[in-house]
Every structure is written in structure tokens, then in C-alpha cells.
Amino acid sequence: MTGPMGGAEEPRRVDFRFVHPVEVRFRDLDPMGHAHHSLPLVYWEEARARYWKEVAGRETVDAIDYVMGELTVRYHRRIPFPGTLEVGVRTTRLGGSSFEMEYGVWDGDGRLVSSGRSTQVAYDYAGSRSRRLDAETRARIEAFEGRTLGGDGAGLR
């Protein structure tokens, strides 16, 4: 995603195969009457968990087998209340143990309200260490996204 303003090109809704609806709740509002700046991360988390269940096949919370490495968020406009948002999630890169995801959040009129990226690291909670991304997960994600996202992970971090 490269473009004006130092970096990111705005993601397009049509480029996301996975979209999850999220209701903006009254409790999401800050004292100025608009959704708090931390909420895109919460909305992404909800959509990412659903993506991980439906695409990667992790059916329960304890099956989530990654940790967050980095998050970058861009704010494009105020999040409306009341309203329903569409949160798009897609995997853009699969490395040996890490993978990158991209997000777009659109309001009910189809306007982009926030966008960003995250890097997750496959993690072995029992051993308290990172691990390689397994072939089955890689295959499921690539099949869903419809493209190769980094080969087999050999030599990739």
C-alpha cells in the first residue's frame, strides 16, 4: 500500500474477500461524541478472530496460535454513531513464522474510516516461543485469498 501522505494507498472494499460487520456501540463514544481512536484496533481484532476461525480453521479461542508483533493504523474520517461498519481483513504476506494482514473499515455509505496493517508471529504458547507457520494454515489462507503469499516459508522470517 503506497500512495500520498507518506505511505499508504487507501484500500478498496472490493479487494477484500473477507468482510465482517461491526456495530458502533454507544459505549464506543468518547466525551467529544465520536468513536474513540483506539476502536479500529478493537474492530480489527474482532474481524481478525473471525477470519482466523473461518479461513485458518481455528474453531476456539485457545486455538489462536499467534502473537501480535506490530500494528499500524491510519484514520481517514470520523466513525459514525449510530452505524454499522464493514471491516475488511486480508492476509498480504506469509513468511516462515510471521504473517501480515491488511485492514479497511468502511461506514454505511461505503466511505473508508480507517485502514492499516498488522504483523503476527506464529507462536507456541506451551513452549513460549515463536514457531514456523504450518503448511496446512498456509494452504488454507492462500486458497482463500486466491494467490501465493510468500512461497513455502523456506528461509523467510
N, C-alpha and C. Protein backbone atom coordinates (compact mmCIF):
# COMPACT_ATOMS: atom_id res chain seq x y z
N MET A 1 0.84 -1.18 0.00
CA MET A 1 0.00 0.00 0.00
C MET A 1 0.88 1.24 0.00
N THR A 2 1.18 1.81 -1.16
CA THR A 2 1.91 3.06 -1.17
C THR A 2 1.10 4.12 -1.89
N GLY A 3 1.23 5.33 -1.42
CA GLY A 3 0.47 6.40 -2.01
C GLY A 3 0.85 7.73 -1.40
N PRO A 4 -0.01 8.75 -1.53
CA PRO A 4 0.29 10.05 -0.98
C PRO A 4 0.30 10.03 0.55
N MET A 5 0.68 11.11 1.14
CA MET A 5 0.71 11.27 2.59
C MET A 5 1.69 10.31 3.25
N GLY A 6 2.85 10.14 2.66
CA GLY A 6 3.90 9.39 3.30
C GLY A 6 3.70 7.91 3.33
N GLY A 7 2.88 7.41 2.49
CA GLY A 7 2.85 5.99 2.59
C GLY A 7 1.68 5.28 2.03
N ALA A 8 0.60 5.27 2.70
CA ALA A 8 -0.40 4.25 2.41
C ALA A 8 -1.42 4.69 1.38
N GLU A 9 -1.63 3.81 0.43
CA GLU A 9 -2.70 3.96 -0.54
C GLU A 9 -3.97 3.45 0.14
N GLU A 10 -5.08 4.10 -0.11
CA GLU A 10 -6.32 3.66 0.53
C GLU A 10 -6.77 2.32 -0.01
N PRO A 11 -7.06 1.37 0.89
CA PRO A 11 -7.56 0.07 0.42
C PRO A 11 -8.97 0.21 -0.15
N ARG A 12 -9.28 -0.64 -1.09
CA ARG A 12 -10.60 -0.64 -1.72
C ARG A 12 -11.41 -1.80 -1.17
N ARG A 13 -12.66 -1.56 -0.87
CA ARG A 13 -13.55 -2.58 -0.31
C ARG A 13 -13.61 -3.81 -1.20
N VAL A 14 -13.62 -3.62 -2.49
CA VAL A 14 -13.74 -4.71 -3.46
C VAL A 14 -12.55 -5.67 -3.40
N ASP A 15 -11.42 -5.24 -2.86
CA ASP A 15 -10.22 -6.07 -2.80
C ASP A 15 -10.20 -7.02 -1.60
N PHE A 16 -11.21 -6.95 -0.75
CA PHE A 16 -11.26 -7.80 0.44
C PHE A 16 -12.29 -8.91 0.25
N ARG A 17 -11.85 -10.14 0.31
CA ARG A 17 -12.76 -11.28 0.21
C ARG A 17 -13.47 -11.54 1.53
N PHE A 18 -12.85 -11.12 2.62
CA PHE A 18 -13.43 -11.37 3.95
C PHE A 18 -13.84 -10.03 4.55
N VAL A 19 -15.13 -9.90 4.84
CA VAL A 19 -15.66 -8.67 5.44
C VAL A 19 -16.57 -9.07 6.59
N HIS A 20 -16.37 -8.39 7.72
CA HIS A 20 -17.14 -8.70 8.93
C HIS A 20 -17.87 -7.43 9.39
N PRO A 21 -19.19 -7.50 9.61
CA PRO A 21 -19.93 -6.32 10.08
C PRO A 21 -19.70 -6.10 11.58
N VAL A 22 -19.59 -4.83 11.95
CA VAL A 22 -19.42 -4.45 13.36
C VAL A 22 -20.34 -3.27 13.65
N GLU A 23 -21.11 -3.39 14.71
CA GLU A 23 -21.98 -2.29 15.15
C GLU A 23 -21.17 -1.30 15.99
N VAL A 24 -21.34 -0.01 15.71
CA VAL A 24 -20.75 1.02 16.57
C VAL A 24 -21.68 1.15 17.76
N ARG A 25 -21.15 0.95 18.95
CA ARG A 25 -21.95 0.98 20.17
C ARG A 25 -21.86 2.34 20.86
N PHE A 26 -22.86 2.67 21.64
CA PHE A 26 -22.85 3.93 22.38
C PHE A 26 -21.62 4.02 23.26
N ARG A 27 -21.23 2.90 23.86
CA ARG A 27 -20.07 2.91 24.76
C ARG A 27 -18.76 3.16 24.02
N ASP A 28 -18.80 3.09 22.68
CA ASP A 28 -17.60 3.36 21.87
C ASP A 28 -17.29 4.86 21.79
N LEU A 29 -18.25 5.69 22.18
CA LEU A 29 -18.09 7.14 22.04
C LEU A 29 -17.20 7.71 23.12
N ASP A 30 -16.41 8.71 22.74
CA ASP A 30 -15.60 9.41 23.72
C ASP A 30 -16.35 10.68 24.14
N PRO A 31 -15.80 11.49 25.05
CA PRO A 31 -16.52 12.68 25.52
C PRO A 31 -16.86 13.70 24.43
N MET A 32 -16.17 13.62 23.28
CA MET A 32 -16.46 14.53 22.18
C MET A 32 -17.56 14.02 21.27
N GLY A 33 -18.12 12.85 21.58
CA GLY A 33 -19.25 12.32 20.83
C GLY A 33 -18.90 11.52 19.59
N HIS A 34 -17.64 11.17 19.44
CA HIS A 34 -17.31 10.28 18.32
C HIS A 34 -16.53 9.08 18.83
N ALA A 35 -16.45 8.07 17.99
CA ALA A 35 -15.80 6.82 18.41
C ALA A 35 -14.33 7.08 18.75
N HIS A 36 -13.90 6.52 19.86
CA HIS A 36 -12.54 6.69 20.36
C HIS A 36 -11.52 6.18 19.36
N HIS A 37 -10.34 6.82 19.34
CA HIS A 37 -9.31 6.47 18.36
C HIS A 37 -8.76 5.05 18.49
N SER A 38 -8.97 4.40 19.62
CA SER A 38 -8.48 3.03 19.81
C SER A 38 -9.40 1.98 19.17
N LEU A 39 -10.60 2.37 18.80
CA LEU A 39 -11.59 1.39 18.36
C LEU A 39 -11.28 0.67 17.05
N PRO A 40 -10.63 1.29 16.07
CA PRO A 40 -10.29 0.48 14.90
C PRO A 40 -9.53 -0.79 15.28
N LEU A 41 -8.66 -0.72 16.27
CA LEU A 41 -7.92 -1.91 16.70
C LEU A 41 -8.85 -2.97 17.27
N VAL A 42 -9.87 -2.54 17.99
CA VAL A 42 -10.86 -3.47 18.55
C VAL A 42 -11.68 -4.09 17.42
N TYR A 43 -12.10 -3.26 16.47
CA TYR A 43 -12.88 -3.77 15.34
C TYR A 43 -12.04 -4.75 14.51
N TRP A 44 -10.77 -4.44 14.29
CA TRP A 44 -9.88 -5.34 13.55
C TRP A 44 -9.72 -6.65 14.29
N GLU A 45 -9.56 -6.56 15.61
CA GLU A 45 -9.38 -7.78 16.41
C GLU A 45 -10.58 -8.71 16.25
N GLU A 46 -11.77 -8.14 16.33
CA GLU A 46 -12.99 -8.94 16.18
C GLU A 46 -13.04 -9.60 14.80
N ALA A 47 -12.75 -8.82 13.76
CA ALA A 47 -12.78 -9.36 12.40
C ALA A 47 -11.65 -10.36 12.17
N ARG A 48 -10.47 -10.08 12.72
CA ARG A 48 -9.32 -10.99 12.57
C ARG A 48 -9.60 -12.33 13.24
N ALA A 49 -10.23 -12.32 14.41
CA ALA A 49 -10.57 -13.57 15.11
C ALA A 49 -11.56 -14.38 14.27
N ARG A 50 -12.52 -13.72 13.65
CA ARG A 50 -13.49 -14.41 12.79
C ARG A 50 -12.79 -14.96 11.54
N TYR A 51 -11.90 -14.17 10.96
CA TYR A 51 -11.11 -14.64 9.80
C TYR A 51 -10.30 -15.87 10.19
N TRP A 52 -9.63 -15.82 11.34
CA TRP A 52 -8.79 -16.94 11.78
C TRP A 52 -9.64 -18.20 11.98
N LYS A 53 -10.87 -18.01 12.44
CA LYS A 53 -11.77 -19.16 12.62
C LYS A 53 -12.23 -19.70 11.26
N GLU A 54 -12.75 -18.83 10.43
CA GLU A 54 -13.36 -19.26 9.17
C GLU A 54 -12.35 -19.62 8.08
N VAL A 55 -11.25 -18.90 8.02
CA VAL A 55 -10.28 -19.13 6.96
C VAL A 55 -9.18 -20.10 7.40
N ALA A 56 -8.59 -19.85 8.57
CA ALA A 56 -7.49 -20.70 9.04
C ALA A 56 -7.98 -21.95 9.75
N GLY A 57 -9.28 -22.00 10.07
CA GLY A 57 -9.86 -23.20 10.66
C GLY A 57 -9.64 -23.35 12.16
N ARG A 58 -9.38 -22.24 12.85
CA ARG A 58 -9.21 -22.29 14.30
C ARG A 58 -10.57 -22.04 14.94
N GLU A 59 -11.19 -23.09 15.45
CA GLU A 59 -12.58 -23.04 15.90
C GLU A 59 -12.79 -22.42 17.28
N THR A 60 -11.77 -22.42 18.13
CA THR A 60 -11.94 -21.92 19.50
C THR A 60 -10.87 -20.87 19.82
N VAL A 61 -11.12 -20.10 20.85
CA VAL A 61 -10.17 -19.06 21.25
C VAL A 61 -8.81 -19.65 21.59
N ASP A 62 -8.79 -20.79 22.27
CA ASP A 62 -7.50 -21.38 22.63
C ASP A 62 -6.75 -21.95 21.42
N ALA A 63 -7.38 -21.96 20.26
CA ALA A 63 -6.71 -22.42 19.04
C ALA A 63 -6.01 -21.27 18.30
N ILE A 64 -6.18 -20.05 18.80
CA ILE A 64 -5.48 -18.92 18.19
C ILE A 64 -4.01 -19.06 18.56
N ASP A 65 -3.18 -19.22 17.55
CA ASP A 65 -1.78 -19.59 17.78
C ASP A 65 -0.80 -18.58 17.20
N TYR A 66 -1.05 -17.31 17.50
CA TYR A 66 -0.12 -16.26 17.10
C TYR A 66 -0.11 -15.17 18.16
N VAL A 67 0.92 -14.33 18.10
CA VAL A 67 1.00 -13.14 18.94
C VAL A 67 1.15 -11.94 18.00
N MET A 68 0.77 -10.78 18.49
CA MET A 68 0.85 -9.56 17.69
C MET A 68 2.27 -9.01 17.76
N GLY A 69 2.82 -8.70 16.59
CA GLY A 69 4.16 -8.13 16.53
C GLY A 69 4.15 -6.64 16.29
N GLU A 70 3.22 -6.17 15.46
CA GLU A 70 3.19 -4.75 15.11
C GLU A 70 1.82 -4.38 14.56
N LEU A 71 1.39 -3.16 14.85
CA LEU A 71 0.13 -2.62 14.32
C LEU A 71 0.37 -1.20 13.82
N THR A 72 -0.18 -0.89 12.67
CA THR A 72 -0.14 0.47 12.14
C THR A 72 -1.55 0.84 11.74
N VAL A 73 -2.01 2.00 12.20
CA VAL A 73 -3.38 2.42 11.93
C VAL A 73 -3.38 3.78 11.25
N ARG A 74 -4.28 3.97 10.29
CA ARG A 74 -4.49 5.27 9.66
C ARG A 74 -5.95 5.64 9.83
N TYR A 75 -6.18 6.90 10.15
CA TYR A 75 -7.54 7.40 10.34
C TYR A 75 -7.90 8.27 9.14
N HIS A 76 -9.02 7.97 8.52
CA HIS A 76 -9.43 8.70 7.32
C HIS A 76 -10.60 9.64 7.58
N ARG A 77 -11.49 9.25 8.47
CA ARG A 77 -12.61 10.12 8.83
C ARG A 77 -13.24 9.61 10.13
N ARG A 78 -14.09 10.43 10.67
CA ARG A 78 -14.78 10.11 11.92
C ARG A 78 -15.66 8.87 11.77
N ILE A 79 -15.68 8.02 12.80
CA ILE A 79 -16.53 6.84 12.80
C ILE A 79 -17.93 7.27 13.25
N PRO A 80 -18.95 6.99 12.46
CA PRO A 80 -20.30 7.47 12.78
C PRO A 80 -20.99 6.64 13.87
N PHE A 81 -21.83 7.32 14.63
CA PHE A 81 -22.73 6.65 15.57
C PHE A 81 -24.10 7.26 15.37
N PRO A 82 -25.15 6.46 15.33
CA PRO A 82 -25.12 5.00 15.28
C PRO A 82 -24.68 4.55 13.89
N GLY A 83 -24.32 3.30 13.77
CA GLY A 83 -23.94 2.80 12.46
C GLY A 83 -23.38 1.39 12.49
N THR A 84 -23.37 0.80 11.33
CA THR A 84 -22.75 -0.50 11.15
C THR A 84 -21.57 -0.30 10.21
N LEU A 85 -20.44 -0.84 10.61
CA LEU A 85 -19.23 -0.75 9.81
C LEU A 85 -18.97 -2.08 9.12
N GLU A 86 -18.27 -2.03 8.01
CA GLU A 86 -17.77 -3.23 7.36
C GLU A 86 -16.27 -3.25 7.57
N VAL A 87 -15.76 -4.33 8.17
CA VAL A 87 -14.33 -4.45 8.44
C VAL A 87 -13.76 -5.52 7.50
N GLY A 88 -12.93 -5.08 6.57
CA GLY A 88 -12.28 -6.00 5.65
C GLY A 88 -10.94 -6.44 6.22
N VAL A 89 -10.65 -7.73 6.07
CA VAL A 89 -9.38 -8.31 6.53
C VAL A 89 -8.83 -9.16 5.40
N ARG A 90 -7.53 -9.04 5.16
CA ARG A 90 -6.89 -9.94 4.20
C ARG A 90 -5.44 -10.17 4.61
N THR A 91 -4.96 -11.35 4.29
CA THR A 91 -3.56 -11.67 4.52
C THR A 91 -2.80 -11.25 3.28
N THR A 92 -1.71 -10.50 3.47
CA THR A 92 -0.93 -9.99 2.35
C THR A 92 0.43 -10.65 2.22
N ARG A 93 0.92 -11.29 3.29
CA ARG A 93 2.22 -11.96 3.23
C ARG A 93 2.27 -13.08 4.24
N LEU A 94 2.83 -14.20 3.83
CA LEU A 94 3.10 -15.32 4.73
C LEU A 94 4.60 -15.56 4.72
N GLY A 95 5.23 -15.40 5.88
CA GLY A 95 6.65 -15.69 6.00
C GLY A 95 6.84 -17.06 6.62
N GLY A 96 8.03 -17.30 7.11
CA GLY A 96 8.31 -18.57 7.77
C GLY A 96 7.57 -18.70 9.09
N SER A 97 7.63 -17.64 9.90
CA SER A 97 6.92 -17.65 11.19
C SER A 97 6.00 -16.45 11.36
N SER A 98 6.14 -15.44 10.52
CA SER A 98 5.29 -14.26 10.65
C SER A 98 4.38 -14.14 9.43
N PHE A 99 3.31 -13.37 9.62
CA PHE A 99 2.42 -13.09 8.50
C PHE A 99 1.84 -11.71 8.69
N GLU A 100 1.52 -11.07 7.57
CA GLU A 100 1.00 -9.71 7.59
C GLU A 100 -0.44 -9.69 7.11
N MET A 101 -1.21 -8.82 7.75
CA MET A 101 -2.61 -8.64 7.38
C MET A 101 -2.86 -7.16 7.12
N GLU A 102 -3.87 -6.90 6.31
CA GLU A 102 -4.27 -5.54 5.98
C GLU A 102 -5.75 -5.40 6.32
N TYR A 103 -6.13 -4.18 6.71
CA TYR A 103 -7.50 -3.92 7.16
C TYR A 103 -8.05 -2.66 6.49
N GLY A 104 -9.34 -2.67 6.27
CA GLY A 104 -10.07 -1.49 5.86
C GLY A 104 -11.39 -1.48 6.60
N VAL A 105 -11.80 -0.31 7.07
CA VAL A 105 -13.09 -0.18 7.76
C VAL A 105 -13.90 0.89 7.03
N TRP A 106 -15.10 0.49 6.60
CA TRP A 106 -15.97 1.38 5.84
C TRP A 106 -17.27 1.63 6.59
N ASP A 107 -17.77 2.87 6.48
CA ASP A 107 -19.05 3.19 7.11
C ASP A 107 -20.20 2.73 6.22
N GLY A 108 -21.43 2.99 6.65
CA GLY A 108 -22.62 2.54 5.93
C GLY A 108 -22.78 3.15 4.55
N ASP A 109 -22.08 4.26 4.30
CA ASP A 109 -22.12 4.89 2.98
C ASP A 109 -20.95 4.45 2.10
N GLY A 110 -20.17 3.48 2.59
CA GLY A 110 -19.04 2.97 1.82
C GLY A 110 -17.79 3.81 1.87
N ARG A 111 -17.74 4.77 2.81
CA ARG A 111 -16.56 5.63 2.95
C ARG A 111 -15.56 4.98 3.90
N LEU A 112 -14.30 5.02 3.52
CA LEU A 112 -13.23 4.46 4.34
C LEU A 112 -13.04 5.31 5.59
N VAL A 113 -13.14 4.70 6.78
CA VAL A 113 -12.94 5.45 8.02
C VAL A 113 -11.58 5.16 8.65
N SER A 114 -11.05 3.95 8.46
CA SER A 114 -9.69 3.65 8.95
C SER A 114 -9.12 2.51 8.13
N SER A 115 -7.81 2.42 8.16
CA SER A 115 -7.12 1.33 7.46
C SER A 115 -5.81 1.07 8.18
N GLY A 116 -5.20 -0.05 7.86
CA GLY A 116 -3.92 -0.34 8.49
C GLY A 116 -3.41 -1.72 8.20
N ARG A 117 -2.36 -2.07 8.93
CA ARG A 117 -1.67 -3.34 8.76
C ARG A 117 -1.28 -3.89 10.11
N SER A 118 -1.07 -5.19 10.14
CA SER A 118 -0.53 -5.82 11.35
C SER A 118 0.41 -6.95 10.95
N THR A 119 1.36 -7.21 11.83
CA THR A 119 2.25 -8.36 11.67
C THR A 119 2.03 -9.25 12.87
N GLN A 120 1.71 -10.51 12.60
CA GLN A 120 1.52 -11.51 13.63
C GLN A 120 2.67 -12.51 13.52
N VAL A 121 2.99 -13.15 14.65
CA VAL A 121 4.03 -14.18 14.67
C VAL A 121 3.39 -15.46 15.18
N ALA A 122 3.54 -16.55 14.40
CA ALA A 122 3.04 -17.86 14.84
C ALA A 122 3.75 -18.20 16.15
N TYR A 123 2.97 -18.70 17.11
CA TYR A 123 3.52 -18.84 18.46
C TYR A 123 3.10 -20.15 19.11
N ASP A 124 4.05 -20.76 19.77
CA ASP A 124 3.84 -21.97 20.56
C ASP A 124 3.70 -21.52 22.01
N TYR A 125 2.47 -21.43 22.49
CA TYR A 125 2.24 -20.96 23.86
C TYR A 125 2.80 -21.91 24.90
N ALA A 126 2.75 -23.21 24.65
CA ALA A 126 3.28 -24.18 25.61
C ALA A 126 4.79 -24.03 25.75
N GLY A 127 5.48 -23.78 24.65
CA GLY A 127 6.93 -23.64 24.68
C GLY A 127 7.40 -22.20 24.83
N SER A 128 6.46 -21.25 24.85
CA SER A 128 6.77 -19.82 24.98
C SER A 128 7.80 -19.35 23.95
N ARG A 129 7.54 -19.68 22.68
CA ARG A 129 8.47 -19.26 21.63
C ARG A 129 7.73 -19.21 20.28
N SER A 130 8.32 -18.48 19.36
CA SER A 130 7.75 -18.44 18.02
C SER A 130 7.96 -19.80 17.36
N ARG A 131 7.17 -20.04 16.33
CA ARG A 131 7.27 -21.31 15.61
C ARG A 131 7.03 -21.04 14.13
N ARG A 132 7.30 -22.02 13.32
CA ARG A 132 7.05 -21.89 11.89
C ARG A 132 5.54 -21.96 11.62
N LEU A 133 5.12 -21.24 10.64
CA LEU A 133 3.73 -21.29 10.20
C LEU A 133 3.53 -22.62 9.49
N ASP A 134 2.55 -23.40 9.93
CA ASP A 134 2.39 -24.75 9.38
C ASP A 134 1.82 -24.73 7.97
N ALA A 135 2.11 -25.79 7.23
CA ALA A 135 1.73 -25.90 5.81
C ALA A 135 0.22 -25.87 5.61
N GLU A 136 -0.54 -26.50 6.51
CA GLU A 136 -1.99 -26.52 6.37
C GLU A 136 -2.58 -25.11 6.49
N THR A 137 -2.12 -24.35 7.47
CA THR A 137 -2.61 -22.98 7.64
C THR A 137 -2.25 -22.14 6.42
N ARG A 138 -1.01 -22.26 5.98
CA ARG A 138 -0.54 -21.54 4.80
C ARG A 138 -1.42 -21.87 3.59
N ALA A 139 -1.69 -23.15 3.37
CA ALA A 139 -2.50 -23.58 2.23
C ALA A 139 -3.93 -23.06 2.32
N ARG A 140 -4.53 -23.10 3.50
CA ARG A 140 -5.90 -22.61 3.68
C ARG A 140 -6.00 -21.12 3.37
N ILE A 141 -5.05 -20.35 3.89
CA ILE A 141 -5.07 -18.90 3.68
C ILE A 141 -4.84 -18.58 2.20
N GLU A 142 -3.86 -19.21 1.58
CA GLU A 142 -3.59 -18.94 0.17
C GLU A 142 -4.76 -19.35 -0.71
N ALA A 143 -5.41 -20.45 -0.39
CA ALA A 143 -6.59 -20.87 -1.16
C ALA A 143 -7.70 -19.85 -1.03
N PHE A 144 -7.93 -19.36 0.18
CA PHE A 144 -8.98 -18.36 0.39
C PHE A 144 -8.65 -17.06 -0.33
N GLU A 145 -7.41 -16.58 -0.17
CA GLU A 145 -7.01 -15.30 -0.77
C GLU A 145 -6.83 -15.41 -2.28
N GLY A 146 -6.70 -16.63 -2.80
CA GLY A 146 -6.60 -16.83 -4.23
C GLY A 146 -5.25 -16.52 -4.84
N ARG A 147 -4.20 -16.56 -4.01
CA ARG A 147 -2.86 -16.28 -4.53
C ARG A 147 -1.80 -16.78 -3.58
N THR A 148 -0.58 -16.90 -4.09
CA THR A 148 0.56 -17.29 -3.27
C THR A 148 1.02 -16.07 -2.49
N LEU A 149 1.29 -16.25 -1.22
CA LEU A 149 1.62 -15.13 -0.34
C LEU A 149 3.00 -15.27 0.30
N GLY A 150 3.94 -15.89 -0.38
CA GLY A 150 5.29 -15.96 0.17
C GLY A 150 5.93 -17.32 0.03
N GLY A 151 5.48 -18.13 -0.87
CA GLY A 151 6.11 -19.43 -1.06
C GLY A 151 5.85 -20.36 0.10
N ASP A 152 6.79 -21.27 0.34
CA ASP A 152 6.60 -22.27 1.39
C ASP A 152 7.17 -21.82 2.72
N GLY A 153 7.68 -20.61 2.78
CA GLY A 153 8.23 -20.11 4.03
C GLY A 153 9.68 -20.47 4.23
N ALA A 154 10.27 -21.23 3.34
CA ALA A 154 11.67 -21.62 3.49
C ALA A 154 12.55 -20.38 3.45
N GLY A 155 13.30 -20.18 4.49
CA GLY A 155 14.20 -19.04 4.57
C GLY A 155 13.52 -17.73 4.88
N LEU A 156 12.22 -17.73 5.06
CA LEU A 156 11.50 -16.50 5.38
C LEU A 156 11.32 -16.37 6.88
N ARG A 157 11.27 -15.16 7.34
CA ARG A 157 11.06 -14.91 8.75
C ARG A 157 9.63 -14.56 9.00
